[in-house]
């Protein structure tokens, strides 16, 4: 879940209007745009209304197993209230940025390497071991950065609860940020969109095109195909000429 801003003509004025968006992933790994709705993306109450609207339109809360989001204050609590069976994954990119913002320039490279060791560990147990090493190493030098990471570490590692072939897609909000970039790319020549209704129509059209593109690349299915592809490659390159 994420939001993106657009310049719209509202009555006779030009306003910057945020549009909230959510992408869902089916059990088969197919991505679908679940909803688009105007609202302040920094407001937890607007996200609550957005989630309620998704449920009214047919989204079963029991079928929602994970929400991937940035660190907006209050968003995680609202999400858990509306989808009590779901887990929360904090975007590791956003968390890393927040941590590095509290680190002196000369230490950023080393701290960034340590963060990668945590986030890309082979298991949750190993990640927590790296985190404990991170705390011990940096607690006296950059305590605010250590505290920042400590507040989010559990939510950053939720993806370990899911199949390994899905981890690469669950660590960050990259999936929906790619959609937002496509929204901005396609609307950039327009500069100003002629109202909220026109914006919804345009974004719905872009969303449908993206869904068609996603069908050929379901989440979690690439790695499952690797043994088959390796077998084909072996047969191809070991044929007698």
Foldseek 3Di string as FASTA:
>chain_A
DAKDWAFACDPNDTDIWIKDWDWDADPVQAIATQDIDTDDRLDLVVVLVVLVVSVVVPDDLQRAAEDEEEDRPNNVVSNCVSNVNYAYAYALVNLLVVLLVQPDPVCSVVVVVLSCCLLVPPAPVSSVVSLVVVCVVPCVPRVVSNVSCVVCVVNQRPLRVDDPQQSVVRNHPVVVVVLNVQLCVVCVVVRYAHDDVSSVVVSVVSSVVVSVVRVVPGRSCPVVCVVVVVVVVVCVVPDDD
